[in-house]
Amino acid sequence: MLHPDPSLSGARLPWSDGQKPLMLAPMQGLTNAALREVFAGLGRPDVLFTEFVRVAPGRMPVFAARQWAAGSPAAAPLVVQLIGHDGSSLATAAQAAQQAGARHINLNLGCPHGRMTSASVGGNLLAQPERLVSMLTGLRKVVIGSFSVKLRAGYDDPGQIFSLLPMLEDAGIDFLILHPRTVTQSYAGQADHAITAAVAERTCLPVIANGDIHRAADGWQLLDQTGVAGLMLGRGAIADPLLFERLRRNVSAKPNRQQRAALLRRYLGEVADRYAGLFCGDTQVLGKIREILKLIDDPAFAKIIEKLKKCRNLELFNALLAQLE
């Protein structure tokens, strides 16, 4: 196994000093390279993440350099997220990703549906925290750029994060992304950002807040009251790709109906165009778009969104989209 030059190790954060980065969350089945390109042109996230890349012994993923070029414009660094249960395989995958051009690696410790064959991965590893020390230190040894983790507050105890902090700090990670729900909670209830604030106060690591940031006001409150280093937007951004720009106060935080309709026409139209070049046939393209439509909950457009979900060909989809006003 190759080892990086020690002089190159340490924090190489995927954002600038003094910046409060706004990140697009890794969302399996959604944040593919095509959708990341759409977001790069619309909301302009400061940092992008790949969907998680599965890593298992004997099934090493293949990383192509073109993946990074397609998904990561120069203005938006791309973080490669890995998920797996075997430390040695994860370290090898991190090296392969770096050889293909990746500069930032993240380990998924938050997915609430994390099983790979019979082994636990993602958030389910928090039920076996003794396994994490060697996994984290092994990755830190081989990751030359930034190394981060995205995790839940705990497996079934939201206070578990506080016992994990010393291990995360000792492992040498550069920042952590916290979704303050438990793994067993999945997406039920509300993200408890009082936990986020307490974690930010107790650790020297930069903390990125994630979970239930649906409006600019939600993000502003988190930045003002928790001491976090930045925000990661998931479902809120999929529903409103300009949420990044609203948080920056570059566009209205309360757009009118006409502005929302224009945004949806542009957003869904660009997604349809890019998906047509990425996926095979109208059925697959529209199936992927349907996953986005499920997260758009603007009551003013509920009827036409339901019609768009039922489309069976792109010609009809585009015709209906043009009627959105």
Protein backbone atom coordinates (compact mmCIF):
# COMPACT_ATOMS: atom_id res chain seq x y z
CA MET A 1 0.00 0.00 0.00
CA LEU A 2 1.34 3.42 -0.96
CA HIS A 3 1.83 6.05 1.71
CA PRO A 4 1.53 9.80 1.05
CA ASP A 5 4.35 12.23 1.62
CA PRO A 6 3.93 13.36 5.27
CA SER A 7 4.67 16.93 4.19
CA LEU A 8 1.49 16.87 2.11
CA SER A 9 -0.78 15.57 4.87
CA GLY A 10 -3.00 17.63 7.17
CA ALA A 11 -5.95 19.87 6.56
CA ARG A 12 -6.56 20.80 2.95
CA LEU A 13 -10.12 21.86 3.32
CA PRO A 14 -12.25 22.01 0.18
CA TRP A 15 -13.16 25.62 0.97
CA SER A 16 -11.26 28.87 1.46
CA ASP A 17 -10.11 30.32 4.77
CA GLY A 18 -12.83 32.46 6.31
CA GLN A 19 -15.55 31.01 4.08
CA LYS A 20 -18.77 29.51 5.50
CA PRO A 21 -19.15 26.80 2.86
CA LEU A 22 -22.54 25.74 1.53
CA MET A 23 -22.34 22.11 0.40
CA LEU A 24 -24.61 19.92 -1.71
CA ALA A 25 -25.23 16.70 0.23
CA PRO A 26 -24.44 13.27 -1.20
CA MET A 27 -27.83 11.68 -1.91
CA GLN A 28 -27.89 8.17 -3.31
CA GLY A 29 -29.83 7.95 -6.56
CA LEU A 30 -29.94 11.73 -6.91
CA THR A 31 -26.63 13.62 -6.86
CA ASN A 32 -25.08 11.99 -9.92
CA ALA A 33 -22.65 13.89 -12.16
CA ALA A 34 -25.46 15.29 -14.34
CA LEU A 35 -27.41 16.73 -11.42
CA ARG A 36 -24.21 18.15 -9.92
CA GLU A 37 -23.63 19.99 -13.20
CA VAL A 38 -27.12 21.48 -13.02
CA PHE A 39 -26.51 22.66 -9.47
CA ALA A 40 -23.12 24.09 -10.39
CA GLY A 41 -24.86 26.39 -12.86
CA LEU A 42 -27.92 27.23 -10.75
CA GLY A 43 -27.28 27.39 -7.02
CA ARG A 44 -23.48 27.21 -7.25
CA PRO A 45 -22.70 25.10 -4.13
CA ASP A 46 -19.25 25.78 -2.70
CA VAL A 47 -18.55 22.05 -2.37
CA LEU A 48 -20.05 19.04 -4.18
CA PHE A 49 -20.15 15.40 -3.07
CA THR A 50 -20.47 12.22 -5.08
CA GLU A 51 -23.15 9.71 -4.27
CA PHE A 52 -21.59 7.14 -1.97
CA VAL A 53 -19.24 4.72 -3.68
CA ARG A 54 -19.63 1.15 -2.41
CA VAL A 55 -16.41 -0.56 -1.38
CA ALA A 56 -16.15 -4.24 -0.46
CA PRO A 57 -13.34 -6.84 -0.45
CA GLY A 58 -13.02 -8.31 -3.92
CA ARG A 59 -15.32 -5.68 -5.50
CA MET A 60 -13.14 -2.64 -5.86
CA PRO A 61 -14.84 0.29 -7.66
CA VAL A 62 -13.26 1.65 -10.84
CA PHE A 63 -12.58 5.37 -10.77
CA ALA A 64 -12.22 7.20 -14.09
CA ALA A 65 -10.61 10.62 -14.25
CA ARG A 66 -13.51 11.91 -16.35
CA GLN A 67 -15.81 11.40 -13.34
CA TRP A 68 -14.14 14.22 -11.49
CA ALA A 69 -13.98 16.58 -14.46
CA ALA A 70 -17.67 16.06 -15.25
CA GLY A 71 -18.88 16.53 -11.70
CA SER A 72 -16.56 19.17 -10.33
CA PRO A 73 -16.19 22.54 -12.00
CA ALA A 74 -13.11 24.47 -10.95
CA ALA A 75 -15.21 26.70 -8.69
CA ALA A 76 -16.71 23.74 -6.80
CA PRO A 77 -14.38 21.11 -5.33
CA LEU A 78 -15.69 17.56 -5.41
CA VAL A 79 -15.54 15.24 -2.39
CA VAL A 80 -15.63 11.50 -3.06
CA GLN A 81 -17.73 9.67 -0.48
CA LEU A 82 -16.91 6.05 0.28
CA ILE A 83 -19.05 3.51 2.14
CA GLY A 84 -17.90 0.09 3.28
CA HIS A 85 -17.04 -2.18 6.19
CA ASP A 86 -13.46 -3.29 5.52
CA GLY A 87 -10.75 -0.81 6.46
CA SER A 88 -8.11 -2.19 4.11
CA SER A 89 -10.47 -2.12 1.13
CA LEU A 90 -11.57 1.43 1.95
CA ALA A 91 -7.95 2.58 2.09
CA THR A 92 -7.21 0.95 -1.26
CA ALA A 93 -10.30 2.58 -2.78
CA ALA A 94 -9.26 5.98 -1.43
CA GLN A 95 -5.86 5.57 -3.09
CA ALA A 96 -7.50 4.57 -6.38
CA ALA A 97 -9.79 7.60 -6.25
CA GLN A 98 -6.82 9.89 -5.63
CA GLN A 99 -4.88 8.34 -8.50
CA ALA A 100 -7.87 9.19 -10.72
CA GLY A 101 -7.73 12.81 -9.61
CA ALA A 102 -9.82 13.00 -6.43
CA ARG A 103 -8.48 15.45 -3.83
CA HIS A 104 -11.01 15.03 -1.03
CA ILE A 105 -12.29 11.81 0.58
CA ASN A 106 -15.28 11.38 2.90
CA LEU A 107 -16.40 8.29 4.83
CA ASN A 108 -20.13 7.65 5.14
CA LEU A 109 -21.08 6.89 8.76
CA GLY A 110 -24.58 8.25 8.46
CA CYS A 111 -26.66 6.25 5.97
CA PRO A 112 -29.50 4.68 8.01
CA HIS A 113 -29.92 1.83 5.52
CA GLY A 114 -26.35 0.65 5.61
CA ARG A 115 -25.82 -3.04 4.98
CA MET A 116 -23.58 -4.63 2.38
CA THR A 117 -24.17 -8.39 2.17
CA SER A 118 -24.09 -9.44 5.85
CA ALA A 119 -21.84 -6.61 7.06
CA SER A 120 -22.87 -3.28 8.51
CA VAL A 121 -21.84 -0.08 6.74
CA GLY A 122 -22.76 3.59 6.95
CA GLY A 123 -24.63 4.60 10.08
CA ASN A 124 -24.90 1.02 11.26
CA LEU A 125 -21.16 1.07 12.03
CA LEU A 126 -21.99 3.40 14.92
CA ALA A 127 -23.42 0.35 16.67
CA GLN A 128 -19.86 -1.07 16.59
CA PRO A 129 -17.69 1.98 17.38
CA GLU A 130 -14.71 -0.21 18.29
CA ARG A 131 -14.33 -0.99 14.59
CA LEU A 132 -13.96 2.65 13.63
CA VAL A 133 -10.53 3.43 15.10
CA SER A 134 -8.52 1.26 12.70
CA MET A 135 -10.79 2.22 9.78
CA LEU A 136 -10.32 5.95 10.34
CA THR A 137 -6.59 5.83 11.06
CA GLY A 138 -6.02 3.59 8.04
CA LEU A 139 -7.78 6.05 5.76
CA ARG A 140 -5.95 9.01 7.26
CA LYS A 141 -2.61 7.38 6.46
CA VAL A 142 -3.39 7.22 2.74
CA VAL A 143 -5.54 10.30 2.14
CA ILE A 144 -3.28 13.14 0.99
CA GLY A 145 -5.93 15.84 0.80
CA SER A 146 -8.82 16.44 3.16
CA PHE A 147 -10.38 13.48 4.96
CA SER A 148 -13.79 13.91 6.55
CA VAL A 149 -16.69 11.88 7.89
CA LYS A 150 -20.45 12.36 7.57
CA LEU A 151 -22.27 10.82 10.51
CA ARG A 152 -25.41 10.68 12.59
CA ALA A 153 -25.54 11.81 16.22
CA GLY A 154 -25.52 8.16 17.27
CA TYR A 155 -26.86 4.73 16.50
CA ASP A 156 -29.80 4.80 18.91
CA ASP A 157 -28.52 7.36 21.43
CA PRO A 158 -28.27 10.98 20.20
CA GLY A 159 -25.64 11.61 22.86
CA GLN A 160 -23.25 9.05 21.38
CA ILE A 161 -21.58 11.72 19.26
CA PHE A 162 -19.90 13.19 22.34
CA SER A 163 -18.12 9.91 23.10
CA LEU A 164 -17.07 9.66 19.43
CA LEU A 165 -15.49 13.12 19.25
CA PRO A 166 -12.13 12.19 20.89
CA MET A 167 -11.75 9.27 18.48
CA LEU A 168 -12.51 11.47 15.47
CA GLU A 169 -10.05 14.11 16.62
CA ASP A 170 -7.31 11.57 17.37
CA ALA A 171 -7.79 9.94 13.96
CA GLY A 172 -6.83 13.24 12.29
CA ILE A 173 -9.95 13.92 10.27
CA ASP A 174 -10.14 17.45 8.87
CA PHE A 175 -13.85 18.17 9.38
CA LEU A 176 -17.07 16.40 10.23
CA ILE A 177 -20.58 16.69 8.84
CA LEU A 178 -23.27 16.06 11.43
CA HIS A 179 -26.88 15.06 10.82
CA PRO A 180 -28.34 15.26 14.34
CA ARG A 181 -30.71 12.33 14.17
CA THR A 182 -29.95 8.77 15.24
CA VAL A 183 -29.56 5.94 12.75
CA THR A 184 -32.62 4.15 14.14
CA GLN A 185 -34.62 7.38 13.82
CA SER A 186 -33.89 7.44 10.07
CA TYR A 187 -35.67 10.60 8.79
CA ALA A 188 -38.47 10.68 11.37
CA GLY A 189 -39.00 13.66 13.63
CA GLN A 190 -36.81 16.75 13.47
CA ALA A 191 -33.05 17.16 13.27
CA ASP A 192 -31.98 18.36 16.74
CA HIS A 193 -29.54 21.14 16.04
CA ALA A 194 -29.10 21.82 19.74
CA ILE A 195 -26.84 18.75 19.46
CA THR A 196 -25.07 20.35 16.50
CA ALA A 197 -24.39 23.49 18.55
CA ALA A 198 -23.05 21.47 21.49
CA VAL A 199 -20.76 19.45 19.20
CA ALA A 200 -19.41 22.62 17.54
CA GLU A 201 -18.65 24.02 21.00
CA ARG A 202 -16.87 20.90 22.26
CA THR A 203 -14.61 20.03 19.33
CA CYS A 204 -11.71 21.74 17.60
CA LEU A 205 -12.85 20.24 14.29
CA PRO A 206 -14.89 22.30 11.82
CA VAL A 207 -18.49 21.08 12.02
CA ILE A 208 -20.81 21.22 9.00
CA ALA A 209 -24.51 21.20 9.91
CA ASN A 210 -26.84 18.94 7.91
CA GLY A 211 -30.52 18.13 8.25
CA ASP A 212 -33.87 19.94 7.83
CA ILE A 213 -32.47 23.06 6.17
CA HIS A 214 -35.38 23.79 3.85
CA ARG A 215 -35.43 27.61 3.80
CA ALA A 216 -32.85 30.36 3.93
CA ALA A 217 -34.13 31.29 7.40
CA ASP A 218 -33.28 27.78 8.64
CA GLY A 219 -29.70 28.13 7.46
CA TRP A 220 -29.23 31.66 8.74
CA GLN A 221 -30.42 30.58 12.19
CA LEU A 222 -27.97 27.67 12.26
CA LEU A 223 -25.05 29.85 11.21
CA ASP A 224 -25.97 32.55 13.73
CA GLN A 225 -26.70 30.34 16.73
CA THR A 226 -24.59 27.18 16.55
CA GLY A 227 -21.03 28.19 15.71
CA VAL A 228 -20.86 25.70 12.83
CA ALA A 229 -18.29 26.12 10.06
CA GLY A 230 -20.83 25.71 7.25
CA LEU A 231 -23.97 24.02 6.01
CA MET A 232 -24.78 20.94 3.93
CA LEU A 233 -28.07 21.07 2.04
CA GLY A 234 -29.86 17.91 0.93
CA ARG A 235 -33.58 17.52 0.38
CA GLY A 236 -34.12 21.28 0.77
CA ALA A 237 -31.74 21.97 -2.11
CA ILE A 238 -33.25 19.29 -4.35
CA ALA A 239 -36.61 21.01 -3.88
CA ASP A 240 -35.12 24.49 -4.37
CA PRO A 241 -31.75 24.54 -6.18
CA LEU A 242 -31.44 28.30 -5.57
CA LEU A 243 -31.38 27.74 -1.80
CA PHE A 244 -27.59 28.26 -1.86
CA GLU A 245 -28.04 31.67 -3.49
CA ARG A 246 -30.88 32.57 -1.13
CA LEU A 247 -28.57 31.85 1.81
CA ARG A 248 -25.98 34.17 0.25
CA ARG A 249 -28.71 36.81 -0.13
CA ASN A 250 -28.03 36.99 -3.86
CA VAL A 251 -31.68 36.23 -4.72
CA SER A 252 -34.93 36.63 -2.82
CA ALA A 253 -35.45 34.35 0.17
CA LYS A 254 -39.19 34.49 -0.54
CA PRO A 255 -39.66 34.22 -4.31
CA ASN A 256 -43.08 34.93 -5.77
CA ARG A 257 -45.07 32.42 -7.81
CA GLN A 258 -43.73 33.67 -11.16
CA GLN A 259 -40.12 33.36 -9.96
CA ARG A 260 -40.74 29.86 -8.58
CA ALA A 261 -42.37 28.74 -11.83
CA ALA A 262 -39.48 30.09 -13.92
CA LEU A 263 -36.99 28.32 -11.68
CA LEU A 264 -38.80 24.98 -11.93
CA ARG A 265 -39.02 25.23 -15.73
CA ARG A 266 -35.30 25.91 -16.00
CA TYR A 267 -34.28 23.38 -13.32
CA LEU A 268 -36.35 20.45 -14.54
CA GLY A 269 -35.65 21.28 -18.18
CA GLU A 270 -31.89 21.22 -17.61
CA VAL A 271 -32.15 18.00 -15.63
CA ALA A 272 -34.17 16.36 -18.41
CA ASP A 273 -31.62 17.45 -21.04
CA ARG A 274 -28.63 16.13 -19.08
CA TYR A 275 -30.37 12.93 -17.99
CA ALA A 276 -31.19 12.17 -21.63
CA GLY A 277 -27.45 11.98 -22.26
CA LEU A 278 -26.72 9.94 -19.13
CA PHE A 279 -29.52 7.38 -18.92
CA CYS A 280 -31.06 5.07 -21.52
CA GLY A 281 -34.49 5.91 -22.90
CA ASP A 282 -37.44 7.95 -21.72
CA THR A 283 -38.53 5.42 -19.10
CA GLN A 284 -35.23 5.51 -17.25
CA VAL A 285 -34.81 9.28 -17.60
CA LEU A 286 -38.31 9.99 -16.28
CA GLY A 287 -37.88 7.46 -13.48
CA LYS A 288 -34.82 9.36 -12.29
CA ILE A 289 -36.58 12.73 -12.61
CA ARG A 290 -39.47 11.32 -10.55
CA GLU A 291 -37.11 11.00 -7.59
CA ILE A 292 -36.54 14.76 -7.75
CA LEU A 293 -40.24 15.54 -8.18
CA LYS A 294 -41.04 13.62 -4.98
CA LEU A 295 -39.10 16.24 -3.02
CA ILE A 296 -40.71 19.32 -4.61
CA ASP A 297 -43.57 20.26 -2.31
CA ASP A 298 -44.67 23.71 -3.50
CA PRO A 299 -48.50 23.67 -3.04
CA ALA A 300 -48.95 26.17 -5.87
CA PHE A 301 -47.69 23.61 -8.39
CA ALA A 302 -48.93 20.39 -6.77
CA LYS A 303 -51.31 19.44 -9.60
CA ILE A 304 -48.83 19.88 -12.43
CA ILE A 305 -46.08 18.14 -10.43
CA GLU A 306 -48.38 15.12 -10.10
CA LYS A 307 -48.95 15.17 -13.87
CA LEU A 308 -45.20 15.38 -14.48
CA LYS A 309 -44.67 12.33 -12.24
CA LYS A 310 -47.06 10.31 -14.40
CA CYS A 311 -45.45 11.18 -17.76
CA ARG A 312 -44.34 8.23 -19.84
CA ASN A 313 -42.36 10.09 -22.52
CA LEU A 314 -40.12 13.14 -22.59
CA GLU A 315 -42.13 14.93 -25.26
CA LEU A 316 -45.17 15.07 -22.99
CA PHE A 317 -42.99 15.94 -19.99
CA ASN A 318 -41.48 18.94 -21.79
CA ALA A 319 -44.89 20.06 -23.05
CA LEU A 320 -46.33 19.99 -19.52
CA LEU A 321 -43.25 21.71 -18.14
CA ALA A 322 -43.76 24.60 -20.58
CA GLN A 323 -47.24 25.11 -19.10
CA LEU A 324 -45.89 25.63 -15.60
CA GLU A 325 -46.56 29.28 -14.69
